[in-house]
Each structure stands twice: as C-alpha cells, then as structure tokens.
Amino acid sequence: MGLSSADASWNELRLKSDVAGLDRLLAPDWLLTHSDGRVQDKRDYLGELASRGRTNQVILNEDVVVRGYGNTAVVTGVSVQSGVSQGTPWSGRFRFTRVWVLVDNSWKMVSSHSSRISSPPDSSNAAVR
C-alpha cells in the first residue's frame, strides 16, 4: 500500500471503528496528541474505539500535503470532523500532522497530532479604529 492510500485508510478505518485494521496501520509505539493536549497511546486509543466510547461520524480532509524524507514522510492538512466521545458530541476544524515510517515495505503511522482551528473573530463586535 502506498503512502497516500495508507493515509486515506486512516480516516476510513476510524469512521468504521475498524480496530483490527488500525492495529495493522499503526506502529506499536504510536502516539496521538489530541487538540486539547491529551496524549493517547495505541492500546488506549484502540480500546476506546473498540468499546465505542469514541465514534467518528465525519472526517473530511483539505489541503493535504505529503513530504517524503527517505523512509519517513510527514503529512499535513486540515481535517473537518465530528463525532461522539464518552457520550459528548464534538465537531471542529483541525490542523493535523501525521508522521509515517516505511517498515518492511509497509507504511506505519508513528505519530498524529491535531490542533483545533479557532473560529475567526466576529467582525460585528470588532472595535472600530
């Protein structure tokens, strides 16, 4: 599977809560840094998906850029997402960075990080200068 396919499958597998597929895609020491600063390891994240404590309902990527560095690649972009975590709905636009490493001819994600994109200020409340 090429890098673009592997990266696209990350979103597809999360939408399906396909724990077995994600287990194969993620490196054993994979870490996810959420937009609130919380960090999850692979076991915790996959356990949350398996228990249905977290479900993803929409994941759409925009402005995706892939940069390769030998057997390592960095994928950046914007992701529009919604879902439910521990019974609480959430949604937003996030900037993401994912790091992939080629291991035995297969791309494995080693890290994923997202930062929430804040809404632009309401121009109707802006002070006049």
C-alpha atoms as a PDB file:
ATOM      1  CA  MET A   1       0.000   0.000   0.000  1.00  0.00           C
ATOM      2  CA  GLY A   2       1.404   3.393  -0.962  1.00  0.00           C
ATOM      3  CA  LEU A   3       1.613   6.284   1.475  1.00  0.00           C
ATOM      4  CA  SER A   4      -1.379   8.165   0.046  1.00  0.00           C
ATOM      5  CA  SER A   5      -3.514   5.013   0.343  1.00  0.00           C
ATOM      6  CA  ALA A   6      -2.262   4.337   3.864  1.00  0.00           C
ATOM      7  CA  ASP A   7      -3.017   7.908   4.950  1.00  0.00           C
ATOM      8  CA  ALA A   8      -6.512   7.816   3.400  1.00  0.00           C
ATOM      9  CA  SER A   9      -7.194   4.479   5.098  1.00  0.00           C
ATOM     10  CA  TRP A  10      -6.501   6.120   8.492  1.00  0.00           C
ATOM     11  CA  ASN A  11      -9.721   8.116   8.135  1.00  0.00           C
ATOM     12  CA  GLU A  12     -11.727   5.265   6.581  1.00  0.00           C
ATOM     13  CA  LEU A  13     -10.749   2.852   9.353  1.00  0.00           C
ATOM     14  CA  ARG A  14     -11.604   5.381  12.075  1.00  0.00           C
ATOM     15  CA  LEU A  15     -15.045   6.013  10.565  1.00  0.00           C
ATOM     16  CA  LYS A  16     -15.705   2.258  10.661  1.00  0.00           C
ATOM     17  CA  SER A  17     -14.127   1.846  14.131  1.00  0.00           C
ATOM     18  CA  ASP A  18     -12.055  -0.913  12.477  1.00  0.00           C
ATOM     19  CA  VAL A  19      -9.719  -1.699  15.357  1.00  0.00           C
ATOM     20  CA  ALA A  20      -8.010  -4.628  13.578  1.00  0.00           C
ATOM     21  CA  GLY A  21      -7.285  -2.507  10.510  1.00  0.00           C
ATOM     22  CA  LEU A  22      -5.943   0.351  12.632  1.00  0.00           C
ATOM     23  CA  ASP A  23      -3.808  -2.063  14.632  1.00  0.00           C
ATOM     24  CA  ARG A  24      -2.046  -3.074  11.402  1.00  0.00           C
ATOM     25  CA  LEU A  25      -1.669   0.556  10.258  1.00  0.00           C
ATOM     26  CA  LEU A  26      -0.219   1.997  13.474  1.00  0.00           C
ATOM     27  CA  ALA A  27       3.295   1.390  14.788  1.00  0.00           C
ATOM     28  CA  PRO A  28       3.461  -0.367  18.182  1.00  0.00           C
ATOM     29  CA  ASP A  29       4.707   2.836  19.875  1.00  0.00           C
ATOM     30  CA  TRP A  30       2.252   5.159  18.035  1.00  0.00           C
ATOM     31  CA  LEU A  31       1.080   8.244  19.934  1.00  0.00           C
ATOM     32  CA  LEU A  32      -1.881  10.538  19.286  1.00  0.00           C
ATOM     33  CA  THR A  33      -1.846  14.100  20.621  1.00  0.00           C
ATOM     34  CA  HIS A  34      -5.404  15.451  20.669  1.00  0.00           C
ATOM     35  CA  SER A  35      -6.283  19.093  20.081  1.00  0.00           C
ATOM     36  CA  ASP A  36      -6.834  19.546  23.837  1.00  0.00           C
ATOM     37  CA  GLY A  37      -3.281  18.364  24.574  1.00  0.00           C
ATOM     38  CA  ARG A  38      -4.309  14.913  25.803  1.00  0.00           C
ATOM     39  CA  VAL A  39      -1.996  12.114  24.640  1.00  0.00           C
ATOM     40  CA  GLN A  40      -3.150   8.558  23.924  1.00  0.00           C
ATOM     41  CA  ASP A  41      -1.066   5.528  23.108  1.00  0.00           C
ATOM     42  CA  LYS A  42      -2.115   2.884  20.618  1.00  0.00           C
ATOM     43  CA  ARG A  43      -3.594   0.477  23.176  1.00  0.00           C
ATOM     44  CA  ASP A  44      -5.719   3.159  24.858  1.00  0.00           C
ATOM     45  CA  TYR A  45      -6.962   4.660  21.576  1.00  0.00           C
ATOM     46  CA  LEU A  46      -7.889   1.294  20.050  1.00  0.00           C
ATOM     47  CA  GLY A  47      -9.573   0.268  23.304  1.00  0.00           C
ATOM     48  CA  GLU A  48     -11.675   3.426  23.228  1.00  0.00           C
ATOM     49  CA  LEU A  49     -12.758   2.684  19.653  1.00  0.00           C
ATOM     50  CA  ALA A  50     -13.482  -0.973  20.436  1.00  0.00           C
ATOM     51  CA  SER A  51     -15.683  -0.041  23.412  1.00  0.00           C
ATOM     52  CA  ARG A  52     -17.491   2.527  21.250  1.00  0.00           C
ATOM     53  CA  GLY A  53     -16.539   5.174  23.834  1.00  0.00           C
ATOM     54  CA  ARG A  54     -15.446   7.184  20.806  1.00  0.00           C
ATOM     55  CA  THR A  55     -17.104   7.213  17.400  1.00  0.00           C
ATOM     56  CA  ASN A  56     -16.216   9.328  14.405  1.00  0.00           C
ATOM     57  CA  GLN A  57     -19.126  10.414  12.224  1.00  0.00           C
ATOM     58  CA  VAL A  58     -17.475  12.723   9.670  1.00  0.00           C
ATOM     59  CA  ILE A  59     -13.828  13.090   8.644  1.00  0.00           C
ATOM     60  CA  LEU A  60     -13.037  15.236   5.588  1.00  0.00           C
ATOM     61  CA  ASN A  61      -9.503  16.351   4.780  1.00  0.00           C
ATOM     62  CA  GLU A  62      -8.486  19.514   2.928  1.00  0.00           C
ATOM     63  CA  ASP A  63      -5.170  20.986   1.789  1.00  0.00           C
ATOM     64  CA  VAL A  64      -3.274  17.712   2.324  1.00  0.00           C
ATOM     65  CA  VAL A  65       0.477  17.944   1.675  1.00  0.00           C
ATOM     66  CA  VAL A  66       2.784  14.905   1.727  1.00  0.00           C
ATOM     67  CA  ARG A  67       6.533  15.426   2.163  1.00  0.00           C
ATOM     68  CA  GLY A  68       8.873  12.462   1.913  1.00  0.00           C
ATOM     69  CA  TYR A  69      12.284  12.089   3.553  1.00  0.00           C
ATOM     70  CA  GLY A  70      13.621   8.662   2.579  1.00  0.00           C
ATOM     71  CA  ASN A  71      11.746   6.079   4.632  1.00  0.00           C
ATOM     72  CA  THR A  72       9.893   8.788   6.605  1.00  0.00           C
ATOM     73  CA  ALA A  73       7.024  11.020   5.489  1.00  0.00           C
ATOM     74  CA  VAL A  74       5.142  13.901   7.052  1.00  0.00           C
ATOM     75  CA  VAL A  75       1.517  14.531   6.065  1.00  0.00           C
ATOM     76  CA  THR A  76      -0.125  17.847   6.965  1.00  0.00           C
ATOM     77  CA  GLY A  77      -3.502  19.366   6.244  1.00  0.00           C
ATOM     78  CA  VAL A  78      -6.868  20.409   7.617  1.00  0.00           C
ATOM     79  CA  SER A  79      -9.473  17.943   8.833  1.00  0.00           C
ATOM     80  CA  VAL A  80     -13.163  18.706   9.333  1.00  0.00           C
ATOM     81  CA  GLN A  81     -14.529  16.219  11.851  1.00  0.00           C
ATOM     82  CA  SER A  82     -17.428  15.352  14.092  1.00  0.00           C
ATOM     83  CA  GLY A  83     -18.099  12.501  16.446  1.00  0.00           C
ATOM     84  CA  VAL A  84     -19.001  11.482  19.985  1.00  0.00           C
ATOM     85  CA  SER A  85     -16.552  10.871  22.845  1.00  0.00           C
ATOM     86  CA  GLN A  86     -17.830   9.390  26.103  1.00  0.00           C
ATOM     87  CA  GLY A  87     -21.377  10.481  25.191  1.00  0.00           C
ATOM     88  CA  THR A  88     -20.424  14.073  24.367  1.00  0.00           C
ATOM     89  CA  PRO A  89     -20.784  15.255  20.748  1.00  0.00           C
ATOM     90  CA  TRP A  90     -17.898  17.244  19.300  1.00  0.00           C
ATOM     91  CA  SER A  91     -17.002  18.820  15.972  1.00  0.00           C
ATOM     92  CA  GLY A  92     -14.482  21.185  14.516  1.00  0.00           C
ATOM     93  CA  ARG A  93     -11.787  22.047  12.032  1.00  0.00           C
ATOM     94  CA  PHE A  94      -8.303  20.866  12.928  1.00  0.00           C
ATOM     95  CA  ARG A  95      -4.802  21.252  11.508  1.00  0.00           C
ATOM     96  CA  PHE A  96      -3.058  17.905  11.593  1.00  0.00           C
ATOM     97  CA  THR A  97       0.438  16.489  11.295  1.00  0.00           C
ATOM     98  CA  ARG A  98       0.989  12.756  10.836  1.00  0.00           C
ATOM     99  CA  VAL A  99       4.381  11.064  10.719  1.00  0.00           C
ATOM    100  CA  TRP A 100       4.783   7.817   8.766  1.00  0.00           C
ATOM    101  CA  VAL A 101       7.738   5.410   8.544  1.00  0.00           C
ATOM    102  CA  LEU A 102       8.295   2.735   5.900  1.00  0.00           C
ATOM    103  CA  VAL A 103       8.838  -0.590   7.713  1.00  0.00           C
ATOM    104  CA  ASP A 104       9.257  -3.839   5.729  1.00  0.00           C
ATOM    105  CA  ASN A 105       7.678  -2.223   2.629  1.00  0.00           C
ATOM    106  CA  SER A 106       4.630  -1.079   4.613  1.00  0.00           C
ATOM    107  CA  TRP A 107       3.826   2.439   5.827  1.00  0.00           C
ATOM    108  CA  LYS A 108       3.203   2.656   9.592  1.00  0.00           C
ATOM    109  CA  MET A 109       1.982   5.789  11.327  1.00  0.00           C
ATOM    110  CA  VAL A 110       4.155   6.627  14.335  1.00  0.00           C
ATOM    111  CA  SER A 111       2.547   9.887  15.419  1.00  0.00           C
ATOM    112  CA  SER A 112      -0.537  12.023  14.862  1.00  0.00           C
ATOM    113  CA  HIS A 113      -1.161  15.499  16.237  1.00  0.00           C
ATOM    114  CA  SER A 114      -4.079  17.885  15.788  1.00  0.00           C
ATOM    115  CA  SER A 115      -4.729  21.482  16.755  1.00  0.00           C
ATOM    116  CA  ARG A 116      -8.209  22.989  16.743  1.00  0.00           C
ATOM    117  CA  ILE A 117      -8.634  25.903  14.336  1.00  0.00           C
ATOM    118  CA  SER A 118     -10.380  28.628  16.282  1.00  0.00           C
ATOM    119  CA  SER A 119     -13.278  30.452  14.722  1.00  0.00           C
ATOM    120  CA  PRO A 120     -12.439  33.839  13.274  1.00  0.00           C
ATOM    121  CA  PRO A 121     -13.462  36.759  15.495  1.00  0.00           C
ATOM    122  CA  ASP A 122     -16.990  38.042  14.933  1.00  0.00           C
ATOM    123  CA  SER A 123     -16.388  41.181  12.851  1.00  0.00           C
ATOM    124  CA  SER A 124     -19.699  42.709  14.005  1.00  0.00           C
ATOM    125  CA  ASN A 125     -18.248  43.032  17.534  1.00  0.00           C
ATOM    126  CA  ALA A 126     -14.855  44.344  16.409  1.00  0.00           C
ATOM    127  CA  ALA A 127     -13.841  47.748  17.687  1.00  0.00           C
ATOM    128  CA  VAL A 128     -13.776  50.482  15.060  1.00  0.00           C
ATOM    129  CA  ARG A 129     -10.346  52.073  14.691  1.00  0.00           C
END
